[in-house]
Every structure is written in structure tokens, then in C-alpha cells.
């Protein structure tokens, strides 16, 4: 678990048995960015959700299989806005979770280079996503102005 923003963490695959430890560490919610069946032996989302809820944690499954989608970004934006406290976003390595977080924040107007630097500080290299993040920022800016993005 690595901090990427105040009260927001990213990480690799977690297990059902980790939920109580995460709750004791102050985490209030989990966002699972891994699709079920991605890898043999990986815990299923339903099992993770059951364990999270038993530990008193909020849980959302926002799986990312083949790239970020507008739906995943919108669901993540909602989950980040509604969080009651520290939140852990996880996938296999933390890369997809970091890219999703950065896409949400870029769409909110945060500086893309600062987002890339924050991810780098958390151990994830998002430099290759710079164009996508700039696109998220342009779309959000156009939406706020009520004009199509160019």
C-alpha cells in the first residue's frame, strides 16, 4: 500500500484476510480495479466485498481489463467524492489504479505533470499515460465551458 494522495492509497492484489488489517490501519474503503478471472488463484470480487464489509469497509468493484473507459473514470470519480475516509485502490500491481486515479484528478483540473510526479513518488510510472491524462483534462475543461473538446 503506497500513498498517492492524502488519504488515498494504491496497491497490488489484496486478499480477504487483509481486510481487518486494513481497517485497523485506518482504511475506510476499497476500490477493486481487477476483473474477476484475470489470474488463476486471484480472489473473486464477491469474496473480497464480503470480507471488506465484515471488516466495516466500504467496497466498490470498478474493473479495468483493456484500458480505461469513461464509465470506469465516472464510477471512480463518484467513489472518490463519496469516500468517508482513507481509500485503497488496487489492481494486480497498482498501475491501473494509479492511472485511473490520475485520470479522475486530471478531469477535475489537476496539473497532469504533478499527477505523474505523485504517481512516481508512489512507485508507479505514468509518463506513458501523459497524452491520455491531458485528454481527460481537455474533456473536463470543454464540459465546464459547454463546448466540444478539440
Protein backbone atom coordinates (compact mmCIF):
# COMPACT_ATOMS: atom_id res chain seq x y z
CA UNK A 1 0.00 0.00 0.00
CA UNK A 2 1.55 3.26 -1.18
CA UNK A 3 0.20 6.77 -0.67
CA UNK A 4 -0.61 8.63 -3.88
CA UNK A 5 -2.65 11.47 -2.39
CA UNK A 6 -3.64 12.46 1.11
CA UNK A 7 -5.83 9.60 2.36
CA UNK A 8 -5.69 7.74 -0.98
CA UNK A 9 -3.52 4.68 -1.43
CA UNK A 10 -2.74 2.38 -4.33
CA UNK A 11 -1.53 -1.16 -4.21
CA UNK A 12 -1.35 -4.58 -5.71
CA UNK A 13 -3.68 -7.51 -5.15
CA UNK A 14 -5.08 -7.86 -1.65
CA UNK A 15 -6.63 -10.91 -0.02
CA UNK A 16 -9.77 -11.38 2.05
CA UNK A 17 -7.59 -11.89 5.12
CA UNK A 18 -6.12 -8.38 4.66
CA UNK A 19 -9.38 -6.55 5.29
CA UNK A 20 -9.25 -6.47 9.10
CA UNK A 21 -5.64 -5.25 8.99
CA UNK A 22 -6.56 -2.52 6.50
CA UNK A 23 -9.46 -1.43 8.73
CA UNK A 24 -7.15 -1.28 11.77
CA UNK A 25 -4.72 0.81 9.72
CA UNK A 26 -7.50 3.36 9.16
CA UNK A 27 -8.58 2.49 5.63
CA UNK A 28 -12.33 3.10 5.26
CA UNK A 29 -12.91 1.85 1.72
CA UNK A 30 -11.60 -0.38 -1.04
CA UNK A 31 -11.85 0.04 -4.81
CA UNK A 32 -11.06 -3.15 -6.72
CA UNK A 33 -9.80 -2.39 -10.23
CA UNK A 34 -9.15 -6.03 -11.18
CA UNK A 35 -11.64 -8.01 -13.23
CA UNK A 36 -12.53 -11.44 -11.88
CA UNK A 37 -10.64 -14.31 -13.51
CA UNK A 38 -7.69 -12.22 -14.62
CA UNK A 39 -5.28 -14.65 -12.98
CA UNK A 40 -5.62 -18.13 -11.54
CA UNK A 41 -5.90 -18.09 -7.75
CA UNK A 42 -6.97 -14.46 -7.56
CA UNK A 43 -9.75 -13.83 -5.03
CA UNK A 44 -13.13 -13.10 -6.59
CA UNK A 45 -14.65 -9.67 -6.14
CA UNK A 46 -17.70 -11.04 -4.29
CA UNK A 47 -15.46 -12.69 -1.69
CA UNK A 48 -13.40 -9.53 -1.29
CA UNK A 49 -16.55 -7.46 -0.89
CA UNK A 50 -17.93 -9.82 1.75
CA UNK A 51 -14.66 -9.67 3.71
CA UNK A 52 -14.45 -5.89 3.35
CA UNK A 53 -17.98 -5.34 4.60
CA UNK A 54 -17.39 -7.76 7.50
CA UNK A 55 -14.40 -5.59 8.48
CA UNK A 56 -16.55 -2.44 8.26
CA UNK A 57 -15.06 -1.20 4.99
CA UNK A 58 -16.88 0.28 2.01
CA UNK A 59 -16.22 -1.64 -1.21
CA UNK A 60 -16.59 -0.90 -4.91
CA UNK A 61 -15.62 -3.03 -7.89
CA UNK A 62 -14.56 -0.93 -10.87
CA UNK A 63 -12.73 -3.49 -13.03
CA UNK A 64 -10.35 -2.37 -15.75
CA UNK A 65 -9.44 -5.04 -18.29
CA UNK A 66 -8.29 -3.42 -21.54
CA UNK A 67 -7.76 0.25 -20.83
CA UNK A 68 -9.64 2.95 -19.01
CA UNK A 69 -13.22 3.62 -20.01
CA UNK A 70 -15.36 6.69 -19.48
CA UNK A 71 -17.60 4.54 -17.27
CA UNK A 72 -14.69 3.48 -15.05
CA UNK A 73 -13.50 7.07 -14.71
CA UNK A 74 -17.02 8.28 -13.84
CA UNK A 75 -17.52 5.50 -11.28
CA UNK A 76 -14.13 6.25 -9.73
CA UNK A 77 -14.85 9.97 -9.60
CA UNK A 78 -18.07 9.21 -7.71
CA UNK A 79 -16.34 6.77 -5.34
CA UNK A 80 -13.53 9.23 -4.59
CA UNK A 81 -16.02 12.04 -3.95
CA UNK A 82 -18.16 9.92 -1.64
CA UNK A 83 -15.38 8.40 0.43
CA UNK A 84 -15.75 8.58 4.17
CA UNK A 85 -12.01 8.45 4.85
CA UNK A 86 -8.81 6.82 3.61
CA UNK A 87 -9.31 4.73 0.49
CA UNK A 88 -7.26 1.94 -1.11
CA UNK A 89 -7.43 1.42 -4.87
CA UNK A 90 -5.88 -1.85 -6.00
CA UNK A 91 -5.25 -3.95 -9.08
CA UNK A 92 -2.53 -6.50 -9.80
CA UNK A 93 0.38 -4.07 -9.36
CA UNK A 94 -1.17 -0.66 -8.69
CA UNK A 95 -0.57 0.66 -12.22
CA UNK A 96 -4.19 0.62 -13.42
CA UNK A 97 -5.38 2.05 -10.12
CA UNK A 98 -2.86 4.89 -10.34
CA UNK A 99 -3.81 5.61 -13.97
CA UNK A 100 -7.49 5.68 -13.05
CA UNK A 101 -6.87 7.98 -10.08
CA UNK A 102 -4.78 10.31 -12.27
CA UNK A 103 -7.45 10.35 -14.98
CA UNK A 104 -10.09 11.36 -12.44
CA UNK A 105 -7.90 14.08 -10.98
CA UNK A 106 -6.85 15.37 -14.43
CA UNK A 107 -10.53 15.62 -15.30
CA UNK A 108 -11.00 17.73 -12.17
CA UNK A 109 -8.36 20.18 -13.40
CA UNK A 110 -5.29 18.98 -11.51
CA UNK A 111 -1.94 19.53 -13.22
CA UNK A 112 -1.01 16.43 -15.25
CA UNK A 113 2.71 16.70 -14.56
CA UNK A 114 2.02 16.92 -10.82
CA UNK A 115 -0.19 13.82 -11.04
CA UNK A 116 2.56 11.92 -12.88
CA UNK A 117 5.06 13.02 -10.21
CA UNK A 118 2.75 11.90 -7.39
CA UNK A 119 2.36 8.50 -9.03
CA UNK A 120 6.13 8.25 -9.49
CA UNK A 121 6.59 9.04 -5.79
CA UNK A 122 4.17 6.15 -5.10
CA UNK A 123 6.30 3.83 -7.25
CA UNK A 124 4.25 3.91 -10.45
CA UNK A 125 5.46 5.40 -13.73
CA UNK A 126 2.60 7.11 -15.59
CA UNK A 127 4.68 9.10 -18.07
CA UNK A 128 3.34 6.93 -20.89
CA UNK A 129 -0.19 8.00 -19.93
CA UNK A 130 0.54 11.72 -20.25
CA UNK A 131 -1.39 12.10 -23.52
CA UNK A 132 -4.42 10.29 -22.10
CA UNK A 133 -4.32 12.44 -18.96
CA UNK A 134 -4.10 15.63 -21.00
CA UNK A 135 -7.12 14.37 -22.96
CA UNK A 136 -9.04 13.88 -19.70
CA UNK A 137 -8.17 17.42 -18.68
CA UNK A 138 -9.25 18.84 -22.08
CA UNK A 139 -12.57 16.97 -21.98
CA UNK A 140 -13.32 18.21 -18.48
CA UNK A 141 -12.42 21.75 -19.43
CA UNK A 142 -14.68 21.58 -22.50
CA UNK A 143 -17.52 20.13 -20.40
CA UNK A 144 -17.20 23.01 -17.94
CA UNK A 145 -17.36 25.53 -20.77
CA UNK A 146 -20.17 23.66 -22.53
CA UNK A 147 -18.14 23.36 -25.73
CA UNK A 148 -16.83 20.33 -27.60
CA UNK A 149 -13.21 19.40 -26.92
CA UNK A 150 -10.80 19.88 -29.79
